[in-house]
Amino acid sequence: MNTYCHISKKYILYFFQKCLIFFIILLTMSHLSTVNGQHVDYLKERWIKNPFSLKAKDNNDWNFEDANDFNINRKNYQSIKNELDIGALLYLKNDFTRGDFNTIDVPYNLFNSHQLGIKKYIKTIESKRKYFNFQIGIGTILHHLNLGENEANITDDTITFFLSSKEVKKNFFRFNYLSIPIKFNLKPFPSKKNTLQIGASFQYHHLLRGKYELQYLELNNTLKNITIGKLHHVNRFLSSRIQLSYKNIGVYVENGITSISTIFQSPYSLSFGVILCSYQ
């Protein structure tokens, strides 16, 4: 089988993901140590040393008579509320994090296959100083595998592929999943509106529907063959994602950490692309 993606590009993605994970862990540990130290000083000076001066100091920090002061502080600490992402989709034989980039023996079109996702975060837990937060959300993703001229024969036991003799117009697999992401966000500059955010998440995906569709021309008529079902995909799988966003746009790399198929050689999904996001 021909491999369309150059191996050096895949190793660049692998190296980028590993470095970004290490960077997030390092910054988080550094920030947590700073927060702990500041928390102790806060208790000693404001409650133990001079508890009666707390009210006066708080009044200087928050001026509710000045509407501008209150609104600026309320708007500064914003979190991502909605995400729309689209990217390339690959199926690999092994987990992406292991550094193995062999594609599975499915003749799909690597350039026209894609992943599309929509997510809404319904719960956000902010840290005290707003440098990081945890979010949980709900959404859906779509895996679209374009088979090109390679027709699929689906039976109860397996799927086989052969070069079609038909005049093919459309030929694809499409899988819809319900997704539940749990995400950690690091915000190096929390006081700035719609600032830089680095996110790492685990996502649970539950298969809602699988579809195979072949459209072809015969005697100037367009005919369709459609098969609906699981199509030898597992009911659920897990994935991990690293993303970097600034204002309303970002980039991501997402790879499956459990297999997605029941018949092929333990395939894992890999997707990378762009994100459009809005804030609450």
C-alpha atoms as a PDB file:
ATOM      1  CA  MET A   1       0.000   0.000   0.000  1.00  0.00           C
ATOM      2  CA  ASN A   2       1.291   3.476  -0.826  1.00  0.00           C
ATOM      3  CA  THR A   3       1.971   5.836   2.066  1.00  0.00           C
ATOM      4  CA  TYR A   4       1.028   9.395   1.142  1.00  0.00           C
ATOM      5  CA  CYS A   5       2.302  11.258   4.206  1.00  0.00           C
ATOM      6  CA  HIS A   6       6.055  11.764   4.458  1.00  0.00           C
ATOM      7  CA  ILE A   7       7.519  10.185   7.571  1.00  0.00           C
ATOM      8  CA  SER A   8       9.421  13.318   8.647  1.00  0.00           C
ATOM      9  CA  LYS A   9       6.195  15.296   8.975  1.00  0.00           C
ATOM     10  CA  LYS A  10       4.733  12.677  11.288  1.00  0.00           C
ATOM     11  CA  TYR A  11       7.829  12.681  13.486  1.00  0.00           C
ATOM     12  CA  ILE A  12       7.586  16.472  13.717  1.00  0.00           C
ATOM     13  CA  LEU A  13       4.008  16.099  15.035  1.00  0.00           C
ATOM     14  CA  TYR A  14       5.144  13.447  17.491  1.00  0.00           C
ATOM     15  CA  PHE A  15       8.032  15.624  18.740  1.00  0.00           C
ATOM     16  CA  PHE A  16       5.728  18.671  19.015  1.00  0.00           C
ATOM     17  CA  GLN A  17       3.170  16.790  21.125  1.00  0.00           C
ATOM     18  CA  LYS A  18       5.784  15.393  23.512  1.00  0.00           C
ATOM     19  CA  CYS A  19       7.449  18.802  24.012  1.00  0.00           C
ATOM     20  CA  LEU A  20       4.118  20.534  24.576  1.00  0.00           C
ATOM     21  CA  ILE A  21       3.071  18.001  27.236  1.00  0.00           C
ATOM     22  CA  PHE A  22       6.416  18.461  29.021  1.00  0.00           C
ATOM     23  CA  PHE A  23       6.034  22.264  28.813  1.00  0.00           C
ATOM     24  CA  ILE A  24       2.549  22.160  30.376  1.00  0.00           C
ATOM     25  CA  ILE A  25       3.691  19.929  33.242  1.00  0.00           C
ATOM     26  CA  LEU A  26       6.713  22.140  33.948  1.00  0.00           C
ATOM     27  CA  LEU A  27       4.730  25.386  33.995  1.00  0.00           C
ATOM     28  CA  THR A  28       1.958  23.858  36.118  1.00  0.00           C
ATOM     29  CA  MET A  29       4.403  22.597  38.765  1.00  0.00           C
ATOM     30  CA  SER A  30       6.133  25.968  38.830  1.00  0.00           C
ATOM     31  CA  HIS A  31       2.839  27.823  39.222  1.00  0.00           C
ATOM     32  CA  LEU A  32       1.537  25.499  41.944  1.00  0.00           C
ATOM     33  CA  SER A  33       4.666  26.058  44.026  1.00  0.00           C
ATOM     34  CA  THR A  34       4.214  29.828  43.643  1.00  0.00           C
ATOM     35  CA  VAL A  35       0.537  29.657  44.612  1.00  0.00           C
ATOM     36  CA  ASN A  36       1.293  27.654  47.763  1.00  0.00           C
ATOM     37  CA  GLY A  37       3.846  30.170  48.920  1.00  0.00           C
ATOM     38  CA  GLN A  38       1.580  33.133  48.292  1.00  0.00           C
ATOM     39  CA  HIS A  39      -1.321  31.453  50.055  1.00  0.00           C
ATOM     40  CA  VAL A  40       0.659  31.087  53.295  1.00  0.00           C
ATOM     41  CA  ASP A  41       1.816  34.708  53.193  1.00  0.00           C
ATOM     42  CA  TYR A  42      -1.758  35.832  52.658  1.00  0.00           C
ATOM     43  CA  LEU A  43      -2.972  34.050  55.794  1.00  0.00           C
ATOM     44  CA  LYS A  44      -0.121  35.318  57.947  1.00  0.00           C
ATOM     45  CA  GLU A  45      -0.315  38.967  57.004  1.00  0.00           C
ATOM     46  CA  ARG A  46      -4.033  39.587  56.506  1.00  0.00           C
ATOM     47  CA  TRP A  47      -5.686  37.332  59.073  1.00  0.00           C
ATOM     48  CA  ILE A  48      -3.121  36.603  61.791  1.00  0.00           C
ATOM     49  CA  LYS A  49      -1.142  39.864  61.870  1.00  0.00           C
ATOM     50  CA  ASN A  50      -3.869  42.397  61.220  1.00  0.00           C
ATOM     51  CA  PRO A  51      -7.356  40.946  60.797  1.00  0.00           C
ATOM     52  CA  PHE A  52      -9.101  44.302  61.329  1.00  0.00           C
ATOM     53  CA  SER A  53      -7.486  45.918  58.325  1.00  0.00           C
ATOM     54  CA  LEU A  54      -8.895  43.350  55.870  1.00  0.00           C
ATOM     55  CA  LYS A  55     -12.015  45.307  55.114  1.00  0.00           C
ATOM     56  CA  ALA A  56     -10.125  48.452  54.277  1.00  0.00           C
ATOM     57  CA  LYS A  57      -7.716  46.621  51.971  1.00  0.00           C
ATOM     58  CA  ASP A  58     -10.550  44.832  50.201  1.00  0.00           C
ATOM     59  CA  ASN A  59     -12.275  48.125  49.586  1.00  0.00           C
ATOM     60  CA  ASN A  60      -9.187  49.340  47.779  1.00  0.00           C
ATOM     61  CA  ASP A  61      -9.085  46.229  45.593  1.00  0.00           C
ATOM     62  CA  TRP A  62     -12.774  46.313  44.612  1.00  0.00           C
ATOM     63  CA  ASN A  63     -14.513  49.597  43.955  1.00  0.00           C
ATOM     64  CA  PHE A  64     -18.141  48.717  43.236  1.00  0.00           C
ATOM     65  CA  GLU A  65     -19.038  52.369  42.831  1.00  0.00           C
ATOM     66  CA  ASP A  66     -16.876  52.511  39.748  1.00  0.00           C
ATOM     67  CA  ALA A  67     -18.648  50.389  37.132  1.00  0.00           C
ATOM     68  CA  ASN A  68     -15.591  50.289  34.874  1.00  0.00           C
ATOM     69  CA  ASP A  69     -13.399  48.663  37.527  1.00  0.00           C
ATOM     70  CA  PHE A  70     -15.921  45.875  38.131  1.00  0.00           C
ATOM     71  CA  ASN A  71     -16.581  45.160  34.452  1.00  0.00           C
ATOM     72  CA  ILE A  72     -12.899  45.009  33.511  1.00  0.00           C
ATOM     73  CA  ASN A  73     -12.147  42.439  36.188  1.00  0.00           C
ATOM     74  CA  ARG A  74     -15.179  40.371  35.286  1.00  0.00           C
ATOM     75  CA  LYS A  75     -14.287  40.272  31.579  1.00  0.00           C
ATOM     76  CA  ASN A  76     -10.561  39.611  31.936  1.00  0.00           C
ATOM     77  CA  TYR A  77     -10.811  36.024  33.142  1.00  0.00           C
ATOM     78  CA  GLN A  78     -12.539  34.300  30.268  1.00  0.00           C
ATOM     79  CA  SER A  79     -12.593  30.619  29.377  1.00  0.00           C
ATOM     80  CA  ILE A  80     -13.274  28.845  26.105  1.00  0.00           C
ATOM     81  CA  LYS A  81     -16.970  27.971  25.846  1.00  0.00           C
ATOM     82  CA  ASN A  82     -17.409  26.547  22.332  1.00  0.00           C
ATOM     83  CA  GLU A  83     -15.059  24.898  19.855  1.00  0.00           C
ATOM     84  CA  LEU A  84     -15.358  24.006  16.175  1.00  0.00           C
ATOM     85  CA  ASP A  85     -12.443  22.044  14.738  1.00  0.00           C
ATOM     86  CA  ILE A  86     -11.612  20.514  11.389  1.00  0.00           C
ATOM     87  CA  GLY A  87      -8.490  18.619  10.438  1.00  0.00           C
ATOM     88  CA  ALA A  88      -6.877  15.811   8.493  1.00  0.00           C
ATOM     89  CA  LEU A  89      -7.639  12.241   9.576  1.00  0.00           C
ATOM     90  CA  LEU A  90      -5.284   9.250   9.505  1.00  0.00           C
ATOM     91  CA  TYR A  91      -5.711   5.688  10.745  1.00  0.00           C
ATOM     92  CA  LEU A  92      -2.485   4.206  12.163  1.00  0.00           C
ATOM     93  CA  LYS A  93      -1.580   0.650  13.135  1.00  0.00           C
ATOM     94  CA  ASN A  94      -0.298   1.642  16.565  1.00  0.00           C
ATOM     95  CA  ASP A  95      -0.774   4.350  19.160  1.00  0.00           C
ATOM     96  CA  PHE A  96       0.665   7.666  17.932  1.00  0.00           C
ATOM     97  CA  THR A  97       2.400   8.290  21.272  1.00  0.00           C
ATOM     98  CA  ARG A  98       4.560   5.183  20.755  1.00  0.00           C
ATOM     99  CA  GLY A  99       6.194   6.709  17.711  1.00  0.00           C
ATOM    100  CA  ASP A 100       4.916   4.112  15.215  1.00  0.00           C
ATOM    101  CA  PHE A 101       3.452   5.735  12.106  1.00  0.00           C
ATOM    102  CA  ASN A 102       2.511   2.845   9.823  1.00  0.00           C
ATOM    103  CA  THR A 103      -0.872   3.348   8.180  1.00  0.00           C
ATOM    104  CA  ILE A 104      -3.394   0.508   8.230  1.00  0.00           C
ATOM    105  CA  ASP A 105      -4.163  -1.588   5.174  1.00  0.00           C
ATOM    106  CA  VAL A 106      -7.222   0.377   4.132  1.00  0.00           C
ATOM    107  CA  PRO A 107      -6.980   2.146   0.742  1.00  0.00           C
ATOM    108  CA  TYR A 108      -8.469   5.459   1.826  1.00  0.00           C
ATOM    109  CA  ASN A 109      -7.532   8.857   0.456  1.00  0.00           C
ATOM    110  CA  LEU A 110      -5.284  10.502   3.051  1.00  0.00           C
ATOM    111  CA  PHE A 111      -5.715  13.983   1.627  1.00  0.00           C
ATOM    112  CA  ASN A 112      -9.518  14.084   1.414  1.00  0.00           C
ATOM    113  CA  SER A 113     -10.283  12.253   4.671  1.00  0.00           C
ATOM    114  CA  HIS A 114     -11.028  14.515   7.613  1.00  0.00           C
ATOM    115  CA  GLN A 115     -12.344  14.897  11.159  1.00  0.00           C
ATOM    116  CA  LEU A 116     -14.960  17.504  12.086  1.00  0.00           C
ATOM    117  CA  GLY A 117     -15.847  18.250  15.708  1.00  0.00           C
ATOM    118  CA  ILE A 118     -18.142  20.542  17.717  1.00  0.00           C
ATOM    119  CA  LYS A 119     -17.857  20.908  21.494  1.00  0.00           C
ATOM    120  CA  LYS A 120     -19.569  22.939  24.202  1.00  0.00           C
ATOM    121  CA  TYR A 121     -18.011  23.175  27.674  1.00  0.00           C
ATOM    122  CA  ILE A 122     -20.713  23.082  30.324  1.00  0.00           C
ATOM    123  CA  LYS A 123     -18.611  23.244  33.500  1.00  0.00           C
ATOM    124  CA  THR A 124     -15.438  25.217  34.250  1.00  0.00           C
ATOM    125  CA  ILE A 125     -13.462  25.137  37.504  1.00  0.00           C
ATOM    126  CA  GLU A 126     -10.998  28.027  37.728  1.00  0.00           C
ATOM    127  CA  SER A 127      -7.881  28.137  39.886  1.00  0.00           C
ATOM    128  CA  LYS A 128      -7.676  30.920  42.463  1.00  0.00           C
ATOM    129  CA  ARG A 129      -5.280  33.060  40.453  1.00  0.00           C
ATOM    130  CA  LYS A 130      -6.826  32.137  37.060  1.00  0.00           C
ATOM    131  CA  TYR A 131      -3.649  30.657  35.586  1.00  0.00           C
ATOM    132  CA  PHE A 132      -5.334  27.360  34.821  1.00  0.00           C
ATOM    133  CA  ASN A 133      -8.731  25.678  34.854  1.00  0.00           C
ATOM    134  CA  PHE A 134     -10.458  22.343  34.338  1.00  0.00           C
ATOM    135  CA  GLN A 135     -13.396  21.944  31.971  1.00  0.00           C
ATOM    136  CA  ILE A 136     -15.885  19.232  31.083  1.00  0.00           C
ATOM    137  CA  GLY A 137     -18.071  19.384  28.025  1.00  0.00           C
ATOM    138  CA  ILE A 138     -20.139  17.522  25.475  1.00  0.00           C
ATOM    139  CA  GLY A 139     -20.054  17.427  21.714  1.00  0.00           C
ATOM    140  CA  THR A 140     -19.869  15.334  18.594  1.00  0.00           C
ATOM    141  CA  ILE A 141     -17.188  14.373  16.081  1.00  0.00           C
ATOM    142  CA  LEU A 142     -17.366  12.978  12.578  1.00  0.00           C
ATOM    143  CA  HIS A 143     -14.780  10.722  10.933  1.00  0.00           C
ATOM    144  CA  HIS A 144     -14.929  10.856   7.143  1.00  0.00           C
ATOM    145  CA  LEU A 145     -12.779   8.360   5.194  1.00  0.00           C
ATOM    146  CA  ASN A 146     -12.742   8.952   1.442  1.00  0.00           C
ATOM    147  CA  LEU A 147     -12.067   5.648  -0.360  1.00  0.00           C
ATOM    148  CA  GLY A 148     -11.530   7.139  -3.802  1.00  0.00           C
ATOM    149  CA  GLU A 149     -11.906   4.437  -6.492  1.00  0.00           C
ATOM    150  CA  ASN A 150     -11.636   1.558  -4.000  1.00  0.00           C
ATOM    151  CA  GLU A 151     -15.022  -0.063  -3.465  1.00  0.00           C
ATOM    152  CA  ALA A 152     -15.769  -1.811  -0.148  1.00  0.00           C
ATOM    153  CA  ASN A 153     -17.482  -5.161   0.262  1.00  0.00           C
ATOM    154  CA  ILE A 154     -18.929  -5.380   3.795  1.00  0.00           C
ATOM    155  CA  THR A 155     -19.905  -8.761   5.272  1.00  0.00           C
ATOM    156  CA  ASP A 156     -20.709  -9.943   8.778  1.00  0.00           C
ATOM    157  CA  ASP A 157     -17.107 -11.035   9.326  1.00  0.00           C
ATOM    158  CA  THR A 158     -14.908  -8.518   7.549  1.00  0.00           C
ATOM    159  CA  ILE A 159     -14.499  -5.741   4.981  1.00  0.00           C
ATOM    160  CA  THR A 160     -12.618  -6.235   1.726  1.00  0.00           C
ATOM    161  CA  PHE A 161     -11.593  -3.637  -0.839  1.00  0.00           C
ATOM    162  CA  PHE A 162     -11.151  -3.801  -4.599  1.00  0.00           C
ATOM    163  CA  LEU A 163     -10.643  -1.335  -7.399  1.00  0.00           C
ATOM    164  CA  SER A 164     -14.086  -0.433  -8.681  1.00  0.00           C
ATOM    165  CA  SER A 165     -14.955  -0.709 -12.366  1.00  0.00           C
ATOM    166  CA  LYS A 166     -17.813   1.782 -11.897  1.00  0.00           C
ATOM    167  CA  GLU A 167     -17.729   5.486 -12.645  1.00  0.00           C
ATOM    168  CA  VAL A 168     -17.505   6.537  -9.016  1.00  0.00           C
ATOM    169  CA  LYS A 169     -18.799   9.922  -7.864  1.00  0.00           C
ATOM    170  CA  LYS A 170     -18.717   9.462  -4.071  1.00  0.00           C
ATOM    171  CA  ASN A 171     -17.238   6.641  -2.038  1.00  0.00           C
ATOM    172  CA  PHE A 172     -16.703   7.008   1.717  1.00  0.00           C
ATOM    173  CA  PHE A 173     -17.049   5.719   5.264  1.00  0.00           C
ATOM    174  CA  ARG A 174     -18.548   8.116   7.804  1.00  0.00           C
ATOM    175  CA  PHE A 175     -18.729   7.594  11.571  1.00  0.00           C
ATOM    176  CA  ASN A 176     -20.553   9.879  14.026  1.00  0.00           C
ATOM    177  CA  TYR A 177     -19.561   9.884  17.703  1.00  0.00           C
ATOM    178  CA  LEU A 178     -20.877  11.478  20.867  1.00  0.00           C
ATOM    179  CA  SER A 179     -17.878  13.031  22.658  1.00  0.00           C
ATOM    180  CA  ILE A 180     -17.241  13.967  26.297  1.00  0.00           C
ATOM    181  CA  PRO A 181     -14.003  15.972  26.714  1.00  0.00           C
ATOM    182  CA  ILE A 182     -12.254  16.599  30.051  1.00  0.00           C
ATOM    183  CA  LYS A 183      -9.732  19.388  29.500  1.00  0.00           C
ATOM    184  CA  PHE A 184      -6.993  21.160  31.425  1.00  0.00           C
ATOM    185  CA  ASN A 185      -6.158  24.710  30.259  1.00  0.00           C
ATOM    186  CA  LEU A 186      -3.010  26.665  31.103  1.00  0.00           C
ATOM    187  CA  LYS A 187      -3.251  30.461  30.698  1.00  0.00           C
ATOM    188  CA  PRO A 188       0.194  32.130  31.000  1.00  0.00           C
ATOM    189  CA  PHE A 189      -1.356  35.636  30.825  1.00  0.00           C
ATOM    190  CA  PRO A 190      -4.742  35.385  32.571  1.00  0.00           C
ATOM    191  CA  SER A 191      -5.305  39.136  32.920  1.00  0.00           C
ATOM    192  CA  LYS A 192      -5.530  39.610  29.147  1.00  0.00           C
ATOM    193  CA  LYS A 193      -8.803  39.103  27.326  1.00  0.00           C
ATOM    194  CA  ASN A 194      -9.027  36.076  24.973  1.00  0.00           C
ATOM    195  CA  THR A 195      -5.394  35.353  25.711  1.00  0.00           C
ATOM    196  CA  LEU A 196      -3.054  32.527  24.806  1.00  0.00           C
ATOM    197  CA  GLN A 197      -4.248  29.161  26.153  1.00  0.00           C
ATOM    198  CA  ILE A 198      -2.554  25.758  26.105  1.00  0.00           C
ATOM    199  CA  GLY A 199      -4.947  22.838  26.504  1.00  0.00           C
ATOM    200  CA  ALA A 200      -4.555  19.124  27.157  1.00  0.00           C
ATOM    201  CA  SER A 201      -7.582  16.835  27.237  1.00  0.00           C
ATOM    202  CA  PHE A 202      -8.842  13.271  27.363  1.00  0.00           C
ATOM    203  CA  GLN A 203     -11.956  12.542  25.337  1.00  0.00           C
ATOM    204  CA  TYR A 204     -14.465   9.706  25.466  1.00  0.00           C
ATOM    205  CA  HIS A 205     -16.188   8.885  22.153  1.00  0.00           C
ATOM    206  CA  HIS A 206     -19.314   6.751  21.788  1.00  0.00           C
ATOM    207  CA  LEU A 207     -20.316   5.528  18.330  1.00  0.00           C
ATOM    208  CA  LEU A 208     -23.750   6.776  17.275  1.00  0.00           C
ATOM    209  CA  ARG A 209     -23.818   5.732  13.635  1.00  0.00           C
ATOM    210  CA  GLY A 210     -21.659   4.260  10.918  1.00  0.00           C
ATOM    211  CA  LYS A 211     -22.333   4.641   7.218  1.00  0.00           C
ATOM    212  CA  TYR A 212     -20.811   3.447   3.954  1.00  0.00           C
ATOM    213  CA  GLU A 213     -21.988   5.183   0.785  1.00  0.00           C
ATOM    214  CA  LEU A 214     -21.079   4.539  -2.837  1.00  0.00           C
ATOM    215  CA  GLN A 215     -22.449   6.784  -5.581  1.00  0.00           C
ATOM    216  CA  TYR A 216     -21.747   5.976  -9.211  1.00  0.00           C
ATOM    217  CA  LEU A 217     -23.019   6.673 -12.724  1.00  0.00           C
ATOM    218  CA  GLU A 218     -24.690   3.989 -14.774  1.00  0.00           C
ATOM    219  CA  LEU A 219     -26.423   4.776 -18.081  1.00  0.00           C
ATOM    220  CA  ASN A 220     -26.427   8.481 -17.173  1.00  0.00           C
ATOM    221  CA  ASN A 221     -28.210   7.741 -13.899  1.00  0.00           C
ATOM    222  CA  THR A 222     -26.756   8.260 -10.430  1.00  0.00           C
ATOM    223  CA  LEU A 223     -27.115   5.138  -8.278  1.00  0.00           C
ATOM    224  CA  LYS A 224     -26.379   4.730  -4.582  1.00  0.00           C
ATOM    225  CA  ASN A 225     -25.358   1.814  -2.394  1.00  0.00           C
ATOM    226  CA  ILE A 226     -25.704   2.668   1.312  1.00  0.00           C
ATOM    227  CA  THR A 227     -24.895   0.462   4.306  1.00  0.00           C
ATOM    228  CA  ILE A 228     -25.767   1.598   7.844  1.00  0.00           C
ATOM    229  CA  GLY A 229     -24.387   0.046  11.036  1.00  0.00           C
ATOM    230  CA  LYS A 230     -21.275  -0.216  13.188  1.00  0.00           C
ATOM    231  CA  LEU A 231     -19.261  -1.425  10.164  1.00  0.00           C
ATOM    232  CA  HIS A 232     -16.822  -3.327  12.390  1.00  0.00           C
ATOM    233  CA  HIS A 233     -16.025  -0.293  14.551  1.00  0.00           C
ATOM    234  CA  VAL A 234     -15.974  -0.466  18.343  1.00  0.00           C
ATOM    235  CA  ASN A 235     -18.775   1.170  20.329  1.00  0.00           C
ATOM    236  CA  ARG A 236     -16.387   3.479  22.180  1.00  0.00           C
ATOM    237  CA  PHE A 237     -12.788   4.673  22.182  1.00  0.00           C
ATOM    238  CA  LEU A 238     -10.590   7.176  24.024  1.00  0.00           C
ATOM    239  CA  SER A 239      -8.357   9.899  22.608  1.00  0.00           C
ATOM    240  CA  SER A 240      -5.966  12.544  23.903  1.00  0.00           C
ATOM    241  CA  ARG A 241      -5.492  16.029  22.541  1.00  0.00           C
ATOM    242  CA  ILE A 242      -3.004  18.887  22.768  1.00  0.00           C
ATOM    243  CA  GLN A 243      -4.110  22.296  21.520  1.00  0.00           C
ATOM    244  CA  LEU A 244      -2.816  25.847  21.374  1.00  0.00           C
ATOM    245  CA  SER A 245      -5.265  28.736  20.950  1.00  0.00           C
ATOM    246  CA  TYR A 246      -4.987  32.516  20.763  1.00  0.00           C
ATOM    247  CA  LYS A 247      -8.095  34.681  20.679  1.00  0.00           C
ATOM    248  CA  ASN A 248     -10.572  32.871  18.394  1.00  0.00           C
ATOM    249  CA  ILE A 249      -8.290  30.488  16.512  1.00  0.00           C
ATOM    250  CA  GLY A 250      -5.943  27.656  17.369  1.00  0.00           C
ATOM    251  CA  VAL A 251      -4.304  24.400  16.278  1.00  0.00           C
ATOM    252  CA  TYR A 252      -4.564  20.872  17.669  1.00  0.00           C
ATOM    253  CA  VAL A 253      -3.137  17.356  17.485  1.00  0.00           C
ATOM    254  CA  GLU A 254      -5.399  14.503  18.630  1.00  0.00           C
ATOM    255  CA  ASN A 255      -4.593  10.802  18.703  1.00  0.00           C
ATOM    256  CA  GLY A 256      -6.537   7.731  19.773  1.00  0.00           C
ATOM    257  CA  ILE A 257      -5.283   5.864  22.831  1.00  0.00           C
ATOM    258  CA  THR A 258      -7.565   2.859  22.283  1.00  0.00           C
ATOM    259  CA  SER A 259      -8.310   0.994  19.060  1.00  0.00           C
ATOM    260  CA  ILE A 260     -11.280   1.979  16.895  1.00  0.00           C
ATOM    261  CA  SER A 261     -11.815  -1.163  14.790  1.00  0.00           C
ATOM    262  CA  THR A 262     -12.651  -4.793  15.476  1.00  0.00           C
ATOM    263  CA  ILE A 263     -11.119  -6.357  12.343  1.00  0.00           C
ATOM    264  CA  PHE A 264      -8.046  -4.394  11.252  1.00  0.00           C
ATOM    265  CA  GLN A 265      -4.603  -4.467  12.856  1.00  0.00           C
ATOM    266  CA  SER A 266      -5.367  -2.414  15.981  1.00  0.00           C
ATOM    267  CA  PRO A 267      -5.887   0.918  14.186  1.00  0.00           C
ATOM    268  CA  TYR A 268      -5.710   4.194  16.090  1.00  0.00           C
ATOM    269  CA  SER A 269      -6.947   7.546  14.851  1.00  0.00           C
ATOM    270  CA  LEU A 270      -4.737  10.601  14.368  1.00  0.00           C
ATOM    271  CA  SER A 271      -6.053  14.051  13.517  1.00  0.00           C
ATOM    272  CA  PHE A 272      -4.445  17.490  13.319  1.00  0.00           C
ATOM    273  CA  GLY A 273      -5.919  20.777  12.165  1.00  0.00           C
ATOM    274  CA  VAL A 274      -7.388  24.126  13.190  1.00  0.00           C
ATOM    275  CA  ILE A 275      -9.842  25.235  15.891  1.00  0.00           C
ATOM    276  CA  LEU A 276     -12.322  28.112  15.959  1.00  0.00           C
ATOM    277  CA  CYS A 277     -13.395  28.998  19.514  1.00  0.00           C
ATOM    278  CA  SER A 278     -15.642  31.423  21.382  1.00  0.00           C
ATOM    279  CA  TYR A 279     -15.504  32.543  25.022  1.00  0.00           C
ATOM    280  CA  GLN A 280     -17.958  32.843  27.876  1.00  0.00           C
END
